């Protein structure tokens, strides 16, 4: 499948050497993003329209699209497996910079992790795809030994307690005596904000990303954990 989209000429060794990143996450130079974005777009659409590839790669097909596009564009990445922690599989913050919550967190009443089985206590963001998480989520069972899961719930509760529009996200606080309802930034403004925060690695070397910052002509680390989602 990789050869179908990245090139039939690729050897097994070249495919094995592709950066296992999936854009999740990537801190990237704007010049590199301009180079890879149109290829990423086109490759992802080709994957989506290919029944075999769509079945094999499913909801992460655009991640495969990015990896293939980076190969075609000649971009290489500094791979940092310790960029983001992923509870419940990781238990402590350690050297991680980001807490990535994508997996369900399930524990029985004794604090025992029950992967693949709904626990007596659980937190899964997919439970709130059509609703807002309530304020004051209950903490994990007392005997739960996962500090990251505990911290995740603490941070969500901190946010819900302090954001004035938590339960009605399109209703913003009073601004100069008037209520602003449904106010959203335009796509152009959102893109400008995103561009503003695209930081060059030489300006912030400690943020050079783990699945991350593309650099011209620089070899990637030999080994890194493949990303599981965003």
C-alpha atoms as a PDB file:
ATOM      1  CA  UNK A   1       0.000   0.000   0.000  1.00  0.00           C
ATOM      2  CA  UNK A   2       2.810   2.420   0.820  1.00  0.00           C
ATOM      3  CA  UNK A   3       4.311   1.946  -2.652  1.00  0.00           C
ATOM      4  CA  UNK A   4       0.932   2.609  -4.238  1.00  0.00           C
ATOM      5  CA  UNK A   5       1.006   6.177  -2.938  1.00  0.00           C
ATOM      6  CA  UNK A   6       4.690   6.907  -2.233  1.00  0.00           C
ATOM      7  CA  UNK A   7       6.216   5.284  -5.324  1.00  0.00           C
ATOM      8  CA  UNK A   8       6.603   1.775  -6.676  1.00  0.00           C
ATOM      9  CA  UNK A   9      10.392   2.258  -6.795  1.00  0.00           C
ATOM     10  CA  UNK A  10      10.789   2.310  -3.006  1.00  0.00           C
ATOM     11  CA  UNK A  11      12.742  -0.559  -1.478  1.00  0.00           C
ATOM     12  CA  UNK A  12      11.748  -2.284   1.749  1.00  0.00           C
ATOM     13  CA  UNK A  13      14.637  -0.501   3.458  1.00  0.00           C
ATOM     14  CA  UNK A  14      13.454   2.913   2.244  1.00  0.00           C
ATOM     15  CA  UNK A  15       9.940   2.240   3.474  1.00  0.00           C
ATOM     16  CA  UNK A  16      11.252   1.065   6.846  1.00  0.00           C
ATOM     17  CA  UNK A  17      13.299   4.265   7.118  1.00  0.00           C
ATOM     18  CA  UNK A  18      10.295   6.575   6.638  1.00  0.00           C
ATOM     19  CA  UNK A  19       9.662   8.820   9.650  1.00  0.00           C
ATOM     20  CA  UNK A  20       6.962   7.130  11.806  1.00  0.00           C
ATOM     21  CA  UNK A  21       5.196  10.358  12.649  1.00  0.00           C
ATOM     22  CA  UNK A  22       1.699  10.727  11.237  1.00  0.00           C
ATOM     23  CA  UNK A  23       1.749  14.463  12.006  1.00  0.00           C
ATOM     24  CA  UNK A  24       0.597  13.811  15.535  1.00  0.00           C
ATOM     25  CA  UNK A  25       2.012  16.141  16.635  1.00  0.00           C
ATOM     26  CA  UNK A  26       4.475  18.016  14.429  1.00  0.00           C
ATOM     27  CA  UNK A  27       6.134  21.377  15.053  1.00  0.00           C
ATOM     28  CA  UNK A  28       7.149  22.454  11.591  1.00  0.00           C
ATOM     29  CA  UNK A  29       8.781  25.380   9.812  1.00  0.00           C
ATOM     30  CA  UNK A  30       6.304  27.373   7.740  1.00  0.00           C
ATOM     31  CA  UNK A  31       8.427  26.907   4.625  1.00  0.00           C
ATOM     32  CA  UNK A  32       8.282  23.132   5.084  1.00  0.00           C
ATOM     33  CA  UNK A  33       4.536  23.238   5.705  1.00  0.00           C
ATOM     34  CA  UNK A  34       4.018  25.131   2.459  1.00  0.00           C
ATOM     35  CA  UNK A  35       6.012  22.449   0.706  1.00  0.00           C
ATOM     36  CA  UNK A  36       4.303  19.404   2.184  1.00  0.00           C
ATOM     37  CA  UNK A  37       0.698  20.621   2.626  1.00  0.00           C
ATOM     38  CA  UNK A  38      -0.482  20.349  -1.006  1.00  0.00           C
ATOM     39  CA  UNK A  39       1.111  16.909  -1.344  1.00  0.00           C
ATOM     40  CA  UNK A  40      -0.483  15.844   1.946  1.00  0.00           C
ATOM     41  CA  UNK A  41      -3.858  17.012   0.662  1.00  0.00           C
ATOM     42  CA  UNK A  42      -3.586  15.158  -2.631  1.00  0.00           C
ATOM     43  CA  UNK A  43      -2.189  11.941  -1.161  1.00  0.00           C
ATOM     44  CA  UNK A  44      -4.867  11.842   1.546  1.00  0.00           C
ATOM     45  CA  UNK A  45      -7.640  12.179  -1.034  1.00  0.00           C
ATOM     46  CA  UNK A  46      -6.093   9.374  -3.099  1.00  0.00           C
ATOM     47  CA  UNK A  47      -5.989   7.162  -0.012  1.00  0.00           C
ATOM     48  CA  UNK A  48      -9.595   8.031   0.840  1.00  0.00           C
ATOM     49  CA  UNK A  49     -10.725   7.097  -2.664  1.00  0.00           C
ATOM     50  CA  UNK A  50      -8.882   3.764  -2.585  1.00  0.00           C
ATOM     51  CA  UNK A  51     -11.187   1.147  -0.957  1.00  0.00           C
ATOM     52  CA  UNK A  52      -8.330  -1.129   0.108  1.00  0.00           C
ATOM     53  CA  UNK A  53      -6.291   1.676   1.654  1.00  0.00           C
ATOM     54  CA  UNK A  54      -9.289   3.238   3.376  1.00  0.00           C
ATOM     55  CA  UNK A  55     -10.219  -0.105   4.910  1.00  0.00           C
ATOM     56  CA  UNK A  56      -6.656  -0.746   6.080  1.00  0.00           C
ATOM     57  CA  UNK A  57      -5.929   2.728   7.480  1.00  0.00           C
ATOM     58  CA  UNK A  58      -9.410   3.904   8.449  1.00  0.00           C
ATOM     59  CA  UNK A  59      -9.743   7.042  10.551  1.00  0.00           C
ATOM     60  CA  UNK A  60      -5.976   7.612  10.667  1.00  0.00           C
ATOM     61  CA  UNK A  61      -5.565   7.607   6.890  1.00  0.00           C
ATOM     62  CA  UNK A  62      -4.630  11.301   6.811  1.00  0.00           C
ATOM     63  CA  UNK A  63      -1.774  10.470   9.192  1.00  0.00           C
ATOM     64  CA  UNK A  64      -0.443   7.954   6.707  1.00  0.00           C
ATOM     65  CA  UNK A  65      -1.022  10.662   4.114  1.00  0.00           C
ATOM     66  CA  UNK A  66       1.279  13.033   5.981  1.00  0.00           C
ATOM     67  CA  UNK A  67       4.036  10.453   6.409  1.00  0.00           C
ATOM     68  CA  UNK A  68       3.913   9.573   2.710  1.00  0.00           C
ATOM     69  CA  UNK A  69       3.763  13.243   1.708  1.00  0.00           C
ATOM     70  CA  UNK A  70       6.818  14.018   3.850  1.00  0.00           C
ATOM     71  CA  UNK A  71       8.705  11.233   2.095  1.00  0.00           C
ATOM     72  CA  UNK A  72       7.729  12.561  -1.329  1.00  0.00           C
ATOM     73  CA  UNK A  73       8.628  16.132  -0.326  1.00  0.00           C
ATOM     74  CA  UNK A  74      12.000  15.044   1.065  1.00  0.00           C
ATOM     75  CA  UNK A  75      11.289  16.266   4.608  1.00  0.00           C
ATOM     76  CA  UNK A  76      12.949  14.594   7.553  1.00  0.00           C
ATOM     77  CA  UNK A  77      12.062  15.045  11.201  1.00  0.00           C
ATOM     78  CA  UNK A  78      13.796  15.133  14.548  1.00  0.00           C
ATOM     79  CA  UNK A  79      11.957  12.333  16.303  1.00  0.00           C
ATOM     80  CA  UNK A  80      11.303  12.792  20.016  1.00  0.00           C
ATOM     81  CA  UNK A  81       9.398   9.813  21.443  1.00  0.00           C
ATOM     82  CA  UNK A  82       9.194  11.610  24.790  1.00  0.00           C
ATOM     83  CA  UNK A  83       7.287  14.626  23.456  1.00  0.00           C
ATOM     84  CA  UNK A  84       3.808  13.554  24.528  1.00  0.00           C
ATOM     85  CA  UNK A  85       2.514  11.286  27.272  1.00  0.00           C
ATOM     86  CA  UNK A  86      -0.517   9.149  26.528  1.00  0.00           C
ATOM     87  CA  UNK A  87      -2.531   8.092  29.553  1.00  0.00           C
ATOM     88  CA  UNK A  88      -3.551   5.519  30.607  1.00  0.00           C
ATOM     89  CA  UNK A  89      -0.596   3.754  28.991  1.00  0.00           C
ATOM     90  CA  UNK A  90       1.865   6.252  30.449  1.00  0.00           C
ATOM     91  CA  UNK A  91       1.640   6.771  34.184  1.00  0.00           C
ATOM     92  CA  UNK A  92       3.786   9.817  34.994  1.00  0.00           C
ATOM     93  CA  UNK A  93       4.764  13.054  33.275  1.00  0.00           C
ATOM     94  CA  UNK A  94       8.492  12.309  33.439  1.00  0.00           C
ATOM     95  CA  UNK A  95      10.259  14.058  30.555  1.00  0.00           C
ATOM     96  CA  UNK A  96       7.095  14.544  28.482  1.00  0.00           C
ATOM     97  CA  UNK A  97       5.981  18.007  27.362  1.00  0.00           C
ATOM     98  CA  UNK A  98       2.383  17.290  26.335  1.00  0.00           C
ATOM     99  CA  UNK A  99      -0.430  15.239  27.834  1.00  0.00           C
ATOM    100  CA  UNK A 100      -2.342  13.668  24.945  1.00  0.00           C
ATOM    101  CA  UNK A 101      -5.715  12.227  25.867  1.00  0.00           C
ATOM    102  CA  UNK A 102      -7.156  10.007  23.172  1.00  0.00           C
ATOM    103  CA  UNK A 103      -7.593   6.643  24.861  1.00  0.00           C
ATOM    104  CA  UNK A 104     -10.387   5.577  27.180  1.00  0.00           C
ATOM    105  CA  UNK A 105      -9.439   5.405  30.846  1.00  0.00           C
ATOM    106  CA  UNK A 106     -11.164   2.542  32.654  1.00  0.00           C
ATOM    107  CA  UNK A 107     -10.663   1.381  36.247  1.00  0.00           C
ATOM    108  CA  UNK A 108     -12.617  -0.813  38.625  1.00  0.00           C
ATOM    109  CA  UNK A 109     -13.580   0.380  42.100  1.00  0.00           C
ATOM    110  CA  UNK A 110     -10.258  -0.876  43.474  1.00  0.00           C
ATOM    111  CA  UNK A 111      -8.293   1.283  41.042  1.00  0.00           C
ATOM    112  CA  UNK A 112      -7.288  -1.628  38.794  1.00  0.00           C
ATOM    113  CA  UNK A 113      -6.863  -0.706  35.126  1.00  0.00           C
ATOM    114  CA  UNK A 114      -9.317  -2.605  32.881  1.00  0.00           C
ATOM    115  CA  UNK A 115      -8.170  -2.015  29.268  1.00  0.00           C
ATOM    116  CA  UNK A 116     -10.730  -2.999  26.661  1.00  0.00           C
ATOM    117  CA  UNK A 117     -13.466  -3.231  29.275  1.00  0.00           C
ATOM    118  CA  UNK A 118     -15.681  -0.472  30.633  1.00  0.00           C
ATOM    119  CA  UNK A 119     -14.639   0.197  34.190  1.00  0.00           C
ATOM    120  CA  UNK A 120     -16.776   1.185  37.161  1.00  0.00           C
ATOM    121  CA  UNK A 121     -14.928   4.501  36.751  1.00  0.00           C
ATOM    122  CA  UNK A 122     -14.124   5.728  33.287  1.00  0.00           C
ATOM    123  CA  UNK A 123     -13.224   8.845  31.343  1.00  0.00           C
ATOM    124  CA  UNK A 124     -13.277   8.807  27.549  1.00  0.00           C
ATOM    125  CA  UNK A 125     -13.532  11.995  25.512  1.00  0.00           C
ATOM    126  CA  UNK A 126     -15.724  10.111  23.021  1.00  0.00           C
ATOM    127  CA  UNK A 127     -18.447  10.040  25.651  1.00  0.00           C
ATOM    128  CA  UNK A 128     -18.867  13.774  25.025  1.00  0.00           C
ATOM    129  CA  UNK A 129     -18.954  13.946  21.231  1.00  0.00           C
ATOM    130  CA  UNK A 130     -22.438  15.496  21.343  1.00  0.00           C
ATOM    131  CA  UNK A 131     -22.346  17.110  24.764  1.00  0.00           C
ATOM    132  CA  UNK A 132     -20.179  19.121  27.134  1.00  0.00           C
ATOM    133  CA  UNK A 133     -18.291  17.302  29.913  1.00  0.00           C
ATOM    134  CA  UNK A 134     -19.936  18.198  33.214  1.00  0.00           C
ATOM    135  CA  UNK A 135     -18.210  20.252  35.836  1.00  0.00           C
ATOM    136  CA  UNK A 136     -16.578  18.418  38.753  1.00  0.00           C
ATOM    137  CA  UNK A 137     -15.819  15.117  37.041  1.00  0.00           C
ATOM    138  CA  UNK A 138     -15.328  12.466  39.746  1.00  0.00           C
ATOM    139  CA  UNK A 139     -11.695  11.575  40.345  1.00  0.00           C
ATOM    140  CA  UNK A 140     -10.350   8.085  39.642  1.00  0.00           C
ATOM    141  CA  UNK A 141     -10.656   5.519  42.454  1.00  0.00           C
ATOM    142  CA  UNK A 142      -8.359   6.253  45.375  1.00  0.00           C
ATOM    143  CA  UNK A 143      -6.126   3.236  44.707  1.00  0.00           C
ATOM    144  CA  UNK A 144      -5.567   4.119  41.044  1.00  0.00           C
ATOM    145  CA  UNK A 145      -1.793   4.334  40.595  1.00  0.00           C
ATOM    146  CA  UNK A 146      -1.801   6.365  37.384  1.00  0.00           C
ATOM    147  CA  UNK A 147      -0.740   9.923  38.188  1.00  0.00           C
ATOM    148  CA  UNK A 148      -1.379  11.116  34.630  1.00  0.00           C
ATOM    149  CA  UNK A 149      -5.007  10.005  34.656  1.00  0.00           C
ATOM    150  CA  UNK A 150      -5.489  11.775  37.989  1.00  0.00           C
ATOM    151  CA  UNK A 151      -3.817  14.915  36.655  1.00  0.00           C
ATOM    152  CA  UNK A 152      -5.917  14.868  33.485  1.00  0.00           C
ATOM    153  CA  UNK A 153      -9.152  14.905  35.474  1.00  0.00           C
ATOM    154  CA  UNK A 154      -7.794  17.611  37.776  1.00  0.00           C
ATOM    155  CA  UNK A 155      -6.957  19.839  34.795  1.00  0.00           C
ATOM    156  CA  UNK A 156     -10.341  19.338  33.139  1.00  0.00           C
ATOM    157  CA  UNK A 157     -12.054  20.203  36.414  1.00  0.00           C
ATOM    158  CA  UNK A 158      -9.821  23.248  36.814  1.00  0.00           C
ATOM    159  CA  UNK A 159     -10.761  24.411  33.328  1.00  0.00           C
ATOM    160  CA  UNK A 160     -14.488  23.853  33.806  1.00  0.00           C
ATOM    161  CA  UNK A 161     -14.410  25.749  37.110  1.00  0.00           C
ATOM    162  CA  UNK A 162     -12.659  28.776  35.635  1.00  0.00           C
ATOM    163  CA  UNK A 163     -13.983  29.172  32.097  1.00  0.00           C
ATOM    164  CA  UNK A 164     -17.161  31.275  32.301  1.00  0.00           C
ATOM    165  CA  UNK A 165     -18.671  29.791  29.140  1.00  0.00           C
ATOM    166  CA  UNK A 166     -17.845  26.119  29.803  1.00  0.00           C
ATOM    167  CA  UNK A 167     -21.416  24.836  29.547  1.00  0.00           C
ATOM    168  CA  UNK A 168     -22.279  27.118  26.618  1.00  0.00           C
ATOM    169  CA  UNK A 169     -19.101  27.481  24.537  1.00  0.00           C
ATOM    170  CA  UNK A 170     -20.664  29.712  21.885  1.00  0.00           C
ATOM    171  CA  UNK A 171     -21.874  32.197  24.476  1.00  0.00           C
ATOM    172  CA  UNK A 172     -19.048  34.512  25.476  1.00  0.00           C
ATOM    173  CA  UNK A 173     -18.814  36.742  28.555  1.00  0.00           C
ATOM    174  CA  UNK A 174     -20.016  40.307  28.443  1.00  0.00           C
ATOM    175  CA  UNK A 175     -17.693  42.502  26.395  1.00  0.00           C
ATOM    176  CA  UNK A 176     -17.994  46.244  26.952  1.00  0.00           C
ATOM    177  CA  UNK A 177     -21.555  45.932  28.163  1.00  0.00           C
ATOM    178  CA  UNK A 178     -22.868  43.664  25.410  1.00  0.00           C
ATOM    179  CA  UNK A 179     -23.382  39.921  25.147  1.00  0.00           C
ATOM    180  CA  UNK A 180     -21.663  38.300  22.181  1.00  0.00           C
ATOM    181  CA  UNK A 181     -23.400  35.129  21.019  1.00  0.00           C
ATOM    182  CA  UNK A 182     -21.931  32.635  18.581  1.00  0.00           C
ATOM    183  CA  UNK A 183     -18.918  34.788  17.846  1.00  0.00           C
ATOM    184  CA  UNK A 184     -16.279  32.890  15.907  1.00  0.00           C
ATOM    185  CA  UNK A 185     -13.017  33.912  14.352  1.00  0.00           C
ATOM    186  CA  UNK A 186     -12.867  33.789  10.595  1.00  0.00           C
ATOM    187  CA  UNK A 187     -10.810  30.977   8.986  1.00  0.00           C
ATOM    188  CA  UNK A 188      -8.284  33.574   7.829  1.00  0.00           C
ATOM    189  CA  UNK A 189      -7.863  34.925  11.354  1.00  0.00           C
ATOM    190  CA  UNK A 190      -7.584  31.423  12.788  1.00  0.00           C
ATOM    191  CA  UNK A 191      -4.917  30.570  10.218  1.00  0.00           C
ATOM    192  CA  UNK A 192      -3.034  33.759  11.030  1.00  0.00           C
ATOM    193  CA  UNK A 193      -3.087  32.854  14.714  1.00  0.00           C
ATOM    194  CA  UNK A 194      -1.849  29.355  13.924  1.00  0.00           C
ATOM    195  CA  UNK A 195       0.921  30.782  11.763  1.00  0.00           C
ATOM    196  CA  UNK A 196       1.929  33.127  14.572  1.00  0.00           C
ATOM    197  CA  UNK A 197       2.538  30.155  16.847  1.00  0.00           C
ATOM    198  CA  UNK A 198       4.594  28.191  14.307  1.00  0.00           C
ATOM    199  CA  UNK A 199       7.913  28.529  16.103  1.00  0.00           C
ATOM    200  CA  UNK A 200      11.274  28.010  14.444  1.00  0.00           C
ATOM    201  CA  UNK A 201      13.322  25.381  16.213  1.00  0.00           C
ATOM    202  CA  UNK A 202      16.367  27.626  16.642  1.00  0.00           C
ATOM    203  CA  UNK A 203      14.208  30.100  18.579  1.00  0.00           C
ATOM    204  CA  UNK A 204      12.839  27.441  20.937  1.00  0.00           C
ATOM    205  CA  UNK A 205      15.126  24.374  20.840  1.00  0.00           C
ATOM    206  CA  UNK A 206      13.363  22.682  23.748  1.00  0.00           C
ATOM    207  CA  UNK A 207      10.165  22.592  21.683  1.00  0.00           C
ATOM    208  CA  UNK A 208      11.721  20.914  18.654  1.00  0.00           C
ATOM    209  CA  UNK A 209       9.149  18.237  18.284  1.00  0.00           C
ATOM    210  CA  UNK A 210       8.984  14.548  18.857  1.00  0.00           C
ATOM    211  CA  UNK A 211       7.204  13.415  16.063  1.00  0.00           C
ATOM    212  CA  UNK A 212       8.403  16.847  15.060  1.00  0.00           C
ATOM    213  CA  UNK A 213      10.133  19.819  13.654  1.00  0.00           C
ATOM    214  CA  UNK A 214      11.100  19.258  10.035  1.00  0.00           C
ATOM    215  CA  UNK A 215      14.611  20.308   9.105  1.00  0.00           C
ATOM    216  CA  UNK A 216      16.225  20.450   5.705  1.00  0.00           C
ATOM    217  CA  UNK A 217      18.787  17.741   4.994  1.00  0.00           C
ATOM    218  CA  UNK A 218      19.009  16.368   8.511  1.00  0.00           C
ATOM    219  CA  UNK A 219      18.779  12.634   9.225  1.00  0.00           C
ATOM    220  CA  UNK A 220      16.020  11.397  11.472  1.00  0.00           C
ATOM    221  CA  UNK A 221      16.679   9.435  14.646  1.00  0.00           C
ATOM    222  CA  UNK A 222      16.957   5.736  13.959  1.00  0.00           C
ATOM    223  CA  UNK A 223      14.126   4.680  16.210  1.00  0.00           C
ATOM    224  CA  UNK A 224      10.950   6.240  17.489  1.00  0.00           C
ATOM    225  CA  UNK A 225       7.562   5.113  18.632  1.00  0.00           C
ATOM    226  CA  UNK A 226       4.872   5.447  15.985  1.00  0.00           C
ATOM    227  CA  UNK A 227       2.155   7.873  16.948  1.00  0.00           C
ATOM    228  CA  UNK A 228      -1.323   6.476  17.735  1.00  0.00           C
ATOM    229  CA  UNK A 229      -3.570   9.450  17.019  1.00  0.00           C
ATOM    230  CA  UNK A 230      -4.464  13.049  17.884  1.00  0.00           C
END
